[in-house]
Amino acid sequence: MGLPTPTPGQILQLRARMPAAFGITAQQRALRWAMGLGALAWFGFLFWWFNITPLRLWNGLSGLGTILVLMIPPSPGALWVDILKGIAESVAMAFLGTFIAAVIAVPLGFLGAGNVVVNALAHFSIRRVFDGFRGVDQLIWALAYVRAVGLGPLAGVLAIATADIAVLAKLYAEAIENAERRQAEGIEAAGGGLLMRTRFGLLPQVLPVMLAQALYFMESNTRSASVLGIVGAGGIGLAIAERIKVRAWDEVAFIIILMLLTVAAIDFVSARIRRRLIGGREAVPAR
């Protein structure tokens, strides 16, 4: 026996009670069309503003194809020792800058954690300071430090450290806030103060995550250090910029391949260390 067919009056009552079950309304459909047309208009304005035309894209791709042809075969040229030295300098800059940032970010992370600094005004102020520093890119810091301390890897190390301190501090603070509370509460119940609760209740839980995030930043900063050299902050970036100026594309390709191999090796080693530290769970922070 089939279900009874609802009457038109019952359908109207059901439509009034549950309009979403009968599909979108005319107003919702019009709103969606308006939003879609607005998005298309916005993208069209951006394309016009940036003068993005099919002709420019085609010419750019044609020029890129010519450069790729000139890159084959890659060649180290006569200064391959300088290339290896520049790559080693970039890796060293990334390591030292990340190490300095990670060490300074640990106490800042505890200060920015809401379960350590419970004062709402202090917590809000510290987090906004982190946001302010995170808003400045490494390249801007590198330009500033090149003017302050001169050309060379010192400016690159300081730029990496300054840019990463606030980012790591924010990530550390979030890890501390997500730590298990019962361990810290047990130490507090046994008579431990804030320092003891932080040292034995929170730090052992978040230290593996902190180390894993620092290793991830080490890998990322190896790529960043190669760019900082373009503005005179040391590393392989200066060698790349010089070879691009003289259109030595085969040497540029050789440097890029070495950089890719270096980053891949660092990524392989750091991934194994991260898995060992955090028990197979990857902690990949967002920048």
C-alpha atoms as a PDB file:
ATOM      1  CA  MET A   1       0.000   0.000   0.000  1.00  0.00           C
ATOM      2  CA  GLY A   2       1.587   3.308  -1.079  1.00  0.00           C
ATOM      3  CA  LEU A   3       1.947   6.485   0.884  1.00  0.00           C
ATOM      4  CA  PRO A   4      -0.894   8.974   0.617  1.00  0.00           C
ATOM      5  CA  THR A   5      -0.334  11.823  -1.804  1.00  0.00           C
ATOM      6  CA  PRO A   6      -0.137  15.170   0.041  1.00  0.00           C
ATOM      7  CA  THR A   7      -2.680  17.765  -0.902  1.00  0.00           C
ATOM      8  CA  PRO A   8      -1.635  21.154  -2.342  1.00  0.00           C
ATOM      9  CA  GLY A   9      -2.481  22.759   0.985  1.00  0.00           C
ATOM     10  CA  GLN A  10      -0.187  20.372   2.857  1.00  0.00           C
ATOM     11  CA  ILE A  11       2.608  21.027   0.374  1.00  0.00           C
ATOM     12  CA  LEU A  12       2.293  24.760   0.949  1.00  0.00           C
ATOM     13  CA  GLN A  13       2.440  24.207   4.714  1.00  0.00           C
ATOM     14  CA  LEU A  14       5.533  22.017   4.384  1.00  0.00           C
ATOM     15  CA  ARG A  15       7.193  24.556   2.065  1.00  0.00           C
ATOM     16  CA  ALA A  16       6.535  27.297   4.620  1.00  0.00           C
ATOM     17  CA  ARG A  17       7.933  25.178   7.464  1.00  0.00           C
ATOM     18  CA  MET A  18      10.954  23.715   5.605  1.00  0.00           C
ATOM     19  CA  PRO A  19      11.761  25.881   2.583  1.00  0.00           C
ATOM     20  CA  ALA A  20      15.289  24.433   2.225  1.00  0.00           C
ATOM     21  CA  ALA A  21      13.858  20.962   1.516  1.00  0.00           C
ATOM     22  CA  PHE A  22      12.193  22.277  -1.657  1.00  0.00           C
ATOM     23  CA  GLY A  23      15.336  23.814  -3.145  1.00  0.00           C
ATOM     24  CA  ILE A  24      16.698  27.333  -3.141  1.00  0.00           C
ATOM     25  CA  THR A  25      14.375  30.274  -3.333  1.00  0.00           C
ATOM     26  CA  ALA A  26      14.329  32.875  -6.070  1.00  0.00           C
ATOM     27  CA  GLN A  27      16.020  35.357  -3.749  1.00  0.00           C
ATOM     28  CA  GLN A  28      18.815  32.888  -2.978  1.00  0.00           C
ATOM     29  CA  ARG A  29      19.293  32.111  -6.650  1.00  0.00           C
ATOM     30  CA  ALA A  30      19.497  35.822  -7.470  1.00  0.00           C
ATOM     31  CA  LEU A  31      22.000  36.345  -4.653  1.00  0.00           C
ATOM     32  CA  ARG A  32      24.200  33.539  -5.973  1.00  0.00           C
ATOM     33  CA  TRP A  33      24.127  34.986  -9.472  1.00  0.00           C
ATOM     34  CA  ALA A  34      24.980  38.416  -8.095  1.00  0.00           C
ATOM     35  CA  MET A  35      27.911  37.006  -6.118  1.00  0.00           C
ATOM     36  CA  GLY A  36      29.169  35.075  -9.139  1.00  0.00           C
ATOM     37  CA  LEU A  37      28.956  38.120 -11.399  1.00  0.00           C
ATOM     38  CA  GLY A  38      30.651  40.216  -8.729  1.00  0.00           C
ATOM     39  CA  ALA A  39      33.523  37.715  -8.511  1.00  0.00           C
ATOM     40  CA  LEU A  40      33.909  37.712 -12.300  1.00  0.00           C
ATOM     41  CA  ALA A  41      33.900  41.517 -12.333  1.00  0.00           C
ATOM     42  CA  TRP A  42      36.552  41.579  -9.597  1.00  0.00           C
ATOM     43  CA  PHE A  43      38.822  39.185 -11.495  1.00  0.00           C
ATOM     44  CA  GLY A  44      38.255  41.146 -14.681  1.00  0.00           C
ATOM     45  CA  PHE A  45      39.273  44.341 -12.906  1.00  0.00           C
ATOM     46  CA  LEU A  46      42.431  42.687 -11.566  1.00  0.00           C
ATOM     47  CA  PHE A  47      43.357  41.423 -15.020  1.00  0.00           C
ATOM     48  CA  TRP A  48      42.857  44.944 -16.417  1.00  0.00           C
ATOM     49  CA  TRP A  49      44.749  46.564 -13.542  1.00  0.00           C
ATOM     50  CA  PHE A  50      47.776  44.273 -13.917  1.00  0.00           C
ATOM     51  CA  ASN A  51      47.568  44.425 -17.707  1.00  0.00           C
ATOM     52  CA  ILE A  52      47.293  40.645 -18.005  1.00  0.00           C
ATOM     53  CA  THR A  53      46.583  39.968 -21.661  1.00  0.00           C
ATOM     54  CA  PRO A  54      46.825  36.803 -23.784  1.00  0.00           C
ATOM     55  CA  LEU A  55      49.580  38.442 -25.855  1.00  0.00           C
ATOM     56  CA  ARG A  56      51.707  39.175 -22.786  1.00  0.00           C
ATOM     57  CA  LEU A  57      51.189  35.659 -21.449  1.00  0.00           C
ATOM     58  CA  TRP A  58      52.125  34.128 -24.792  1.00  0.00           C
ATOM     59  CA  ASN A  59      55.249  36.273 -25.113  1.00  0.00           C
ATOM     60  CA  GLY A  60      56.222  35.429 -21.542  1.00  0.00           C
ATOM     61  CA  LEU A  61      55.808  31.698 -22.107  1.00  0.00           C
ATOM     62  CA  SER A  62      57.787  31.942 -25.334  1.00  0.00           C
ATOM     63  CA  GLY A  63      60.604  33.725 -23.532  1.00  0.00           C
ATOM     64  CA  LEU A  64      60.530  31.159 -20.732  1.00  0.00           C
ATOM     65  CA  GLY A  65      60.761  28.375 -23.297  1.00  0.00           C
ATOM     66  CA  THR A  66      63.836  30.021 -24.815  1.00  0.00           C
ATOM     67  CA  ILE A  67      65.467  30.261 -21.385  1.00  0.00           C
ATOM     68  CA  LEU A  68      64.736  26.597 -20.675  1.00  0.00           C
ATOM     69  CA  VAL A  69      66.372  25.612 -23.956  1.00  0.00           C
ATOM     70  CA  LEU A  70      69.466  27.658 -23.083  1.00  0.00           C
ATOM     71  CA  MET A  71      69.650  25.882 -19.702  1.00  0.00           C
ATOM     72  CA  ILE A  72      70.347  22.550 -21.381  1.00  0.00           C
ATOM     73  CA  PRO A  73      72.810  21.098 -20.651  1.00  0.00           C
ATOM     74  CA  PRO A  74      73.482  22.482 -17.157  1.00  0.00           C
ATOM     75  CA  SER A  75      77.082  23.479 -16.623  1.00  0.00           C
ATOM     76  CA  PRO A  76      78.996  24.515 -13.486  1.00  0.00           C
ATOM     77  CA  GLY A  77      81.221  26.824 -15.490  1.00  0.00           C
ATOM     78  CA  ALA A  78      84.657  27.743 -14.236  1.00  0.00           C
ATOM     79  CA  LEU A  79      83.578  28.809 -10.735  1.00  0.00           C
ATOM     80  CA  TRP A  80      81.953  25.610  -9.460  1.00  0.00           C
ATOM     81  CA  VAL A  81      83.891  25.880  -6.186  1.00  0.00           C
ATOM     82  CA  ASP A  82      82.261  29.260  -5.539  1.00  0.00           C
ATOM     83  CA  ILE A  83      78.872  27.703  -6.278  1.00  0.00           C
ATOM     84  CA  LEU A  84      79.392  24.956  -3.709  1.00  0.00           C
ATOM     85  CA  LYS A  85      80.620  27.529  -1.217  1.00  0.00           C
ATOM     86  CA  GLY A  86      77.521  29.672  -1.804  1.00  0.00           C
ATOM     87  CA  ILE A  87      75.179  26.713  -1.267  1.00  0.00           C
ATOM     88  CA  ALA A  88      77.022  25.739   1.908  1.00  0.00           C
ATOM     89  CA  GLU A  89      76.748  29.351   3.072  1.00  0.00           C
ATOM     90  CA  SER A  90      72.985  29.341   2.433  1.00  0.00           C
ATOM     91  CA  VAL A  91      72.557  26.137   4.445  1.00  0.00           C
ATOM     92  CA  ALA A  92      74.656  27.546   7.275  1.00  0.00           C
ATOM     93  CA  MET A  93      72.630  30.770   7.261  1.00  0.00           C
ATOM     94  CA  ALA A  94      69.398  28.792   7.438  1.00  0.00           C
ATOM     95  CA  PHE A  95      70.673  26.643  10.298  1.00  0.00           C
ATOM     96  CA  LEU A  96      72.018  29.511  12.387  1.00  0.00           C
ATOM     97  CA  GLY A  97      69.037  31.790  11.759  1.00  0.00           C
ATOM     98  CA  THR A  98      66.541  29.038  12.581  1.00  0.00           C
ATOM     99  CA  PHE A  99      68.465  28.016  15.699  1.00  0.00           C
ATOM    100  CA  ILE A 100      68.501  31.585  17.033  1.00  0.00           C
ATOM    101  CA  ALA A 101      64.808  32.038  16.253  1.00  0.00           C
ATOM    102  CA  ALA A 102      63.843  28.712  17.877  1.00  0.00           C
ATOM    103  CA  VAL A 103      65.765  29.425  21.079  1.00  0.00           C
ATOM    104  CA  ILE A 104      64.281  32.914  21.490  1.00  0.00           C
ATOM    105  CA  ALA A 105      60.790  31.715  20.516  1.00  0.00           C
ATOM    106  CA  VAL A 106      60.579  29.152  23.338  1.00  0.00           C
ATOM    107  CA  PRO A 107      60.160  31.640  26.214  1.00  0.00           C
ATOM    108  CA  LEU A 108      58.064  33.903  23.976  1.00  0.00           C
ATOM    109  CA  GLY A 109      55.809  30.971  23.206  1.00  0.00           C
ATOM    110  CA  PHE A 110      55.170  30.388  26.896  1.00  0.00           C
ATOM    111  CA  LEU A 111      54.446  34.094  27.347  1.00  0.00           C
ATOM    112  CA  GLY A 112      51.956  33.961  24.482  1.00  0.00           C
ATOM    113  CA  ALA A 113      50.137  30.869  25.754  1.00  0.00           C
ATOM    114  CA  GLY A 114      46.803  31.567  27.399  1.00  0.00           C
ATOM    115  CA  ASN A 115      47.206  28.743  29.932  1.00  0.00           C
ATOM    116  CA  VAL A 116      50.516  30.202  31.161  1.00  0.00           C
ATOM    117  CA  VAL A 117      49.847  33.955  31.041  1.00  0.00           C
ATOM    118  CA  VAL A 118      46.217  34.018  32.123  1.00  0.00           C
ATOM    119  CA  ASN A 119      45.849  37.804  32.100  1.00  0.00           C
ATOM    120  CA  ALA A 120      43.658  38.524  29.081  1.00  0.00           C
ATOM    121  CA  LEU A 121      45.140  41.952  28.346  1.00  0.00           C
ATOM    122  CA  ALA A 122      48.725  40.696  28.532  1.00  0.00           C
ATOM    123  CA  HIS A 123      47.911  37.666  26.384  1.00  0.00           C
ATOM    124  CA  PHE A 124      46.161  39.812  23.768  1.00  0.00           C
ATOM    125  CA  SER A 125      49.034  42.334  23.684  1.00  0.00           C
ATOM    126  CA  ILE A 126      51.729  39.674  23.290  1.00  0.00           C
ATOM    127  CA  ARG A 127      49.837  37.957  20.477  1.00  0.00           C
ATOM    128  CA  ARG A 128      49.398  41.256  18.619  1.00  0.00           C
ATOM    129  CA  VAL A 129      53.139  41.869  18.861  1.00  0.00           C
ATOM    130  CA  PHE A 130      53.656  38.449  17.270  1.00  0.00           C
ATOM    131  CA  ASP A 131      51.236  39.386  14.493  1.00  0.00           C
ATOM    132  CA  GLY A 132      53.087  42.636  13.854  1.00  0.00           C
ATOM    133  CA  PHE A 133      56.448  40.922  13.400  1.00  0.00           C
ATOM    134  CA  ARG A 134      54.922  38.155  11.289  1.00  0.00           C
ATOM    135  CA  GLY A 135      53.613  40.774   8.876  1.00  0.00           C
ATOM    136  CA  VAL A 136      57.136  41.721   7.733  1.00  0.00           C
ATOM    137  CA  ASP A 137      58.728  39.403   5.178  1.00  0.00           C
ATOM    138  CA  GLN A 138      62.265  38.058   5.398  1.00  0.00           C
ATOM    139  CA  LEU A 139      63.285  40.015   2.315  1.00  0.00           C
ATOM    140  CA  ILE A 140      62.296  43.303   3.974  1.00  0.00           C
ATOM    141  CA  TRP A 141      64.327  42.404   7.060  1.00  0.00           C
ATOM    142  CA  ALA A 142      67.251  41.462   4.816  1.00  0.00           C
ATOM    143  CA  LEU A 143      67.177  44.855   3.093  1.00  0.00           C
ATOM    144  CA  ALA A 144      67.130  46.574   6.486  1.00  0.00           C
ATOM    145  CA  TYR A 145      69.961  44.487   7.922  1.00  0.00           C
ATOM    146  CA  VAL A 146      72.111  44.928   4.793  1.00  0.00           C
ATOM    147  CA  ARG A 147      71.942  48.666   5.423  1.00  0.00           C
ATOM    148  CA  ALA A 148      72.579  48.176   9.150  1.00  0.00           C
ATOM    149  CA  VAL A 149      75.406  45.583   9.253  1.00  0.00           C
ATOM    150  CA  GLY A 150      76.600  45.577   5.656  1.00  0.00           C
ATOM    151  CA  LEU A 151      76.690  42.926   2.951  1.00  0.00           C
ATOM    152  CA  GLY A 152      77.273  39.302   3.831  1.00  0.00           C
ATOM    153  CA  PRO A 153      75.718  36.308   5.570  1.00  0.00           C
ATOM    154  CA  LEU A 154      75.297  38.133   8.906  1.00  0.00           C
ATOM    155  CA  ALA A 155      72.466  40.174   7.413  1.00  0.00           C
ATOM    156  CA  GLY A 156      70.851  36.979   6.122  1.00  0.00           C
ATOM    157  CA  VAL A 157      71.112  35.227   9.482  1.00  0.00           C
ATOM    158  CA  LEU A 158      69.571  38.190  11.278  1.00  0.00           C
ATOM    159  CA  ALA A 159      66.786  38.469   8.679  1.00  0.00           C
ATOM    160  CA  ILE A 160      65.880  34.778   8.994  1.00  0.00           C
ATOM    161  CA  ALA A 161      65.968  34.887  12.781  1.00  0.00           C
ATOM    162  CA  THR A 162      63.922  38.075  13.076  1.00  0.00           C
ATOM    163  CA  ALA A 163      61.259  36.911  10.636  1.00  0.00           C
ATOM    164  CA  ASP A 164      60.909  33.461  12.229  1.00  0.00           C
ATOM    165  CA  ILE A 165      60.895  34.390  15.909  1.00  0.00           C
ATOM    166  CA  ALA A 166      57.290  35.610  15.927  1.00  0.00           C
ATOM    167  CA  VAL A 167      56.041  32.779  13.698  1.00  0.00           C
ATOM    168  CA  LEU A 168      57.651  30.087  15.844  1.00  0.00           C
ATOM    169  CA  ALA A 169      56.518  31.829  19.032  1.00  0.00           C
ATOM    170  CA  LYS A 170      52.918  31.759  17.811  1.00  0.00           C
ATOM    171  CA  LEU A 171      53.161  28.088  16.851  1.00  0.00           C
ATOM    172  CA  TYR A 172      54.792  27.234  20.174  1.00  0.00           C
ATOM    173  CA  ALA A 173      52.094  29.155  22.058  1.00  0.00           C
ATOM    174  CA  GLU A 174      49.347  27.238  20.272  1.00  0.00           C
ATOM    175  CA  ALA A 175      51.083  23.931  21.003  1.00  0.00           C
ATOM    176  CA  ILE A 176      51.344  24.860  24.697  1.00  0.00           C
ATOM    177  CA  GLU A 177      47.675  25.846  24.823  1.00  0.00           C
ATOM    178  CA  ASN A 178      46.715  22.468  23.335  1.00  0.00           C
ATOM    179  CA  ALA A 179      48.840  20.492  25.814  1.00  0.00           C
ATOM    180  CA  GLU A 180      47.176  18.063  28.214  1.00  0.00           C
ATOM    181  CA  ARG A 181      46.177  19.990  31.340  1.00  0.00           C
ATOM    182  CA  ARG A 182      45.995  17.111  33.807  1.00  0.00           C
ATOM    183  CA  GLN A 183      49.757  16.679  33.944  1.00  0.00           C
ATOM    184  CA  ALA A 184      50.276  20.344  34.813  1.00  0.00           C
ATOM    185  CA  GLU A 185      47.355  20.294  37.246  1.00  0.00           C
ATOM    186  CA  GLY A 186      48.851  17.276  39.019  1.00  0.00           C
ATOM    187  CA  ILE A 187      52.121  19.113  39.594  1.00  0.00           C
ATOM    188  CA  GLU A 188      50.228  22.159  40.812  1.00  0.00           C
ATOM    189  CA  ALA A 189      48.175  19.992  43.178  1.00  0.00           C
ATOM    190  CA  ALA A 190      51.406  18.552  44.591  1.00  0.00           C
ATOM    191  CA  GLY A 191      52.514  22.047  45.548  1.00  0.00           C
ATOM    192  CA  GLY A 192      54.476  23.074  42.474  1.00  0.00           C
ATOM    193  CA  GLY A 193      54.472  26.708  41.411  1.00  0.00           C
ATOM    194  CA  LEU A 194      54.156  28.235  37.981  1.00  0.00           C
ATOM    195  CA  LEU A 195      57.786  27.502  37.097  1.00  0.00           C
ATOM    196  CA  MET A 196      57.553  23.847  38.138  1.00  0.00           C
ATOM    197  CA  ARG A 197      54.231  23.428  36.367  1.00  0.00           C
ATOM    198  CA  THR A 198      55.679  24.893  33.188  1.00  0.00           C
ATOM    199  CA  ARG A 199      58.968  22.995  33.379  1.00  0.00           C
ATOM    200  CA  PHE A 200      57.633  19.533  34.218  1.00  0.00           C
ATOM    201  CA  GLY A 201      53.975  19.731  33.221  1.00  0.00           C
ATOM    202  CA  LEU A 202      54.027  21.545  29.864  1.00  0.00           C
ATOM    203  CA  LEU A 203      57.537  21.542  28.428  1.00  0.00           C
ATOM    204  CA  PRO A 204      57.955  17.732  28.161  1.00  0.00           C
ATOM    205  CA  GLN A 205      54.695  17.547  26.208  1.00  0.00           C
ATOM    206  CA  VAL A 206      55.400  20.293  23.696  1.00  0.00           C
ATOM    207  CA  LEU A 207      59.188  19.988  23.301  1.00  0.00           C
ATOM    208  CA  PRO A 208      59.005  17.303  20.567  1.00  0.00           C
ATOM    209  CA  VAL A 209      56.523  19.432  18.625  1.00  0.00           C
ATOM    210  CA  MET A 210      58.739  22.496  19.048  1.00  0.00           C
ATOM    211  CA  LEU A 211      61.765  20.637  17.723  1.00  0.00           C
ATOM    212  CA  ALA A 212      59.767  19.252  14.805  1.00  0.00           C
ATOM    213  CA  GLN A 213      58.549  22.719  13.834  1.00  0.00           C
ATOM    214  CA  ALA A 214      62.066  24.127  14.103  1.00  0.00           C
ATOM    215  CA  LEU A 215      63.307  21.393  11.748  1.00  0.00           C
ATOM    216  CA  TYR A 216      60.551  22.226   9.294  1.00  0.00           C
ATOM    217  CA  PHE A 217      61.569  25.887   9.382  1.00  0.00           C
ATOM    218  CA  MET A 218      65.190  24.869   8.857  1.00  0.00           C
ATOM    219  CA  GLU A 219      64.190  23.163   5.608  1.00  0.00           C
ATOM    220  CA  SER A 220      62.053  26.120   4.503  1.00  0.00           C
ATOM    221  CA  ASN A 221      64.721  28.674   5.364  1.00  0.00           C
ATOM    222  CA  THR A 222      67.253  26.871   3.193  1.00  0.00           C
ATOM    223  CA  ARG A 223      65.142  27.914   0.209  1.00  0.00           C
ATOM    224  CA  SER A 224      64.636  31.408   1.619  1.00  0.00           C
ATOM    225  CA  ALA A 225      68.367  31.899   2.202  1.00  0.00           C
ATOM    226  CA  SER A 226      69.036  31.410  -1.498  1.00  0.00           C
ATOM    227  CA  VAL A 227      66.715  34.329  -2.265  1.00  0.00           C
ATOM    228  CA  LEU A 228      68.151  36.635   0.396  1.00  0.00           C
ATOM    229  CA  GLY A 229      71.515  36.562  -1.331  1.00  0.00           C
ATOM    230  CA  ILE A 230      70.027  38.501  -4.247  1.00  0.00           C
ATOM    231  CA  VAL A 231      69.827  41.616  -2.043  1.00  0.00           C
ATOM    232  CA  GLY A 232      73.356  41.084  -0.716  1.00  0.00           C
ATOM    233  CA  ALA A 233      72.541  39.041   2.389  1.00  0.00           C
ATOM    234  CA  GLY A 234      74.965  36.223   1.566  1.00  0.00           C
ATOM    235  CA  GLY A 235      74.366  32.749   0.215  1.00  0.00           C
ATOM    236  CA  ILE A 236      73.960  31.392  -3.282  1.00  0.00           C
ATOM    237  CA  GLY A 237      71.425  34.039  -4.312  1.00  0.00           C
ATOM    238  CA  LEU A 238      74.141  36.502  -5.279  1.00  0.00           C
ATOM    239  CA  ALA A 239      75.726  33.929  -7.609  1.00  0.00           C
ATOM    240  CA  ILE A 240      72.352  33.294  -9.238  1.00  0.00           C
ATOM    241  CA  ALA A 241      71.710  37.011  -9.726  1.00  0.00           C
ATOM    242  CA  GLU A 242      75.152  37.546 -11.267  1.00  0.00           C
ATOM    243  CA  ARG A 243      74.723  34.685 -13.730  1.00  0.00           C
ATOM    244  CA  ILE A 244      71.252  35.839 -14.707  1.00  0.00           C
ATOM    245  CA  LYS A 245      72.653  39.290 -15.496  1.00  0.00           C
ATOM    246  CA  VAL A 246      75.216  37.824 -17.914  1.00  0.00           C
ATOM    247  CA  ARG A 247      72.627  35.324 -19.265  1.00  0.00           C
ATOM    248  CA  ALA A 248      74.649  32.283 -18.254  1.00  0.00           C
ATOM    249  CA  TRP A 249      71.525  30.132 -18.131  1.00  0.00           C
ATOM    250  CA  ASP A 250      73.393  26.820 -18.157  1.00  0.00           C
ATOM    251  CA  GLU A 251      75.142  27.811 -14.929  1.00  0.00           C
ATOM    252  CA  VAL A 252      71.833  29.005 -13.458  1.00  0.00           C
ATOM    253  CA  ALA A 253      70.360  25.574 -14.218  1.00  0.00           C
ATOM    254  CA  PHE A 254      73.304  23.858 -12.538  1.00  0.00           C
ATOM    255  CA  ILE A 255      72.857  25.984  -9.404  1.00  0.00           C
ATOM    256  CA  ILE A 256      69.113  25.296  -9.331  1.00  0.00           C
ATOM    257  CA  ILE A 257      69.706  21.544  -9.584  1.00  0.00           C
ATOM    258  CA  LEU A 258      72.200  21.670  -6.722  1.00  0.00           C
ATOM    259  CA  MET A 259      69.740  23.683  -4.648  1.00  0.00           C
ATOM    260  CA  LEU A 260      66.969  21.164  -5.315  1.00  0.00           C
ATOM    261  CA  LEU A 261      69.222  18.283  -4.310  1.00  0.00           C
ATOM    262  CA  THR A 262      70.285  20.117  -1.161  1.00  0.00           C
ATOM    263  CA  VAL A 263      66.721  20.927  -0.120  1.00  0.00           C
ATOM    264  CA  ALA A 264      65.625  17.359  -0.886  1.00  0.00           C
ATOM    265  CA  ALA A 265      68.412  15.949   1.295  1.00  0.00           C
ATOM    266  CA  ILE A 266      67.553  18.303   4.152  1.00  0.00           C
ATOM    267  CA  ASP A 267      63.867  17.474   3.785  1.00  0.00           C
ATOM    268  CA  PHE A 268      64.611  13.720   3.909  1.00  0.00           C
ATOM    269  CA  VAL A 269      66.741  13.996   7.034  1.00  0.00           C
ATOM    270  CA  SER A 270      64.442  16.431   8.849  1.00  0.00           C
ATOM    271  CA  ALA A 271      61.348  14.340   8.013  1.00  0.00           C
ATOM    272  CA  ARG A 272      62.927  11.255   9.580  1.00  0.00           C
ATOM    273  CA  ILE A 273      63.896  13.245  12.656  1.00  0.00           C
ATOM    274  CA  ARG A 274      60.388  14.735  12.915  1.00  0.00           C
ATOM    275  CA  ARG A 275      58.786  11.313  12.700  1.00  0.00           C
ATOM    276  CA  ARG A 276      61.068  10.015  15.415  1.00  0.00           C
ATOM    277  CA  LEU A 277      60.389  13.032  17.658  1.00  0.00           C
ATOM    278  CA  ILE A 278      56.607  13.056  17.385  1.00  0.00           C
ATOM    279  CA  GLY A 279      55.900   9.380  16.908  1.00  0.00           C
ATOM    280  CA  GLY A 280      55.032   9.405  13.240  1.00  0.00           C
ATOM    281  CA  ARG A 281      52.692  12.404  13.344  1.00  0.00           C
ATOM    282  CA  GLU A 282      53.820  15.161  11.060  1.00  0.00           C
ATOM    283  CA  ALA A 283      53.572  18.698  12.474  1.00  0.00           C
ATOM    284  CA  VAL A 284      53.593  20.953   9.432  1.00  0.00           C
ATOM    285  CA  PRO A 285      52.956  24.593  10.446  1.00  0.00           C
ATOM    286  CA  ALA A 286      51.281  27.110   8.192  1.00  0.00           C
ATOM    287  CA  ARG A 287      53.279  30.384   7.385  1.00  0.00           C
END
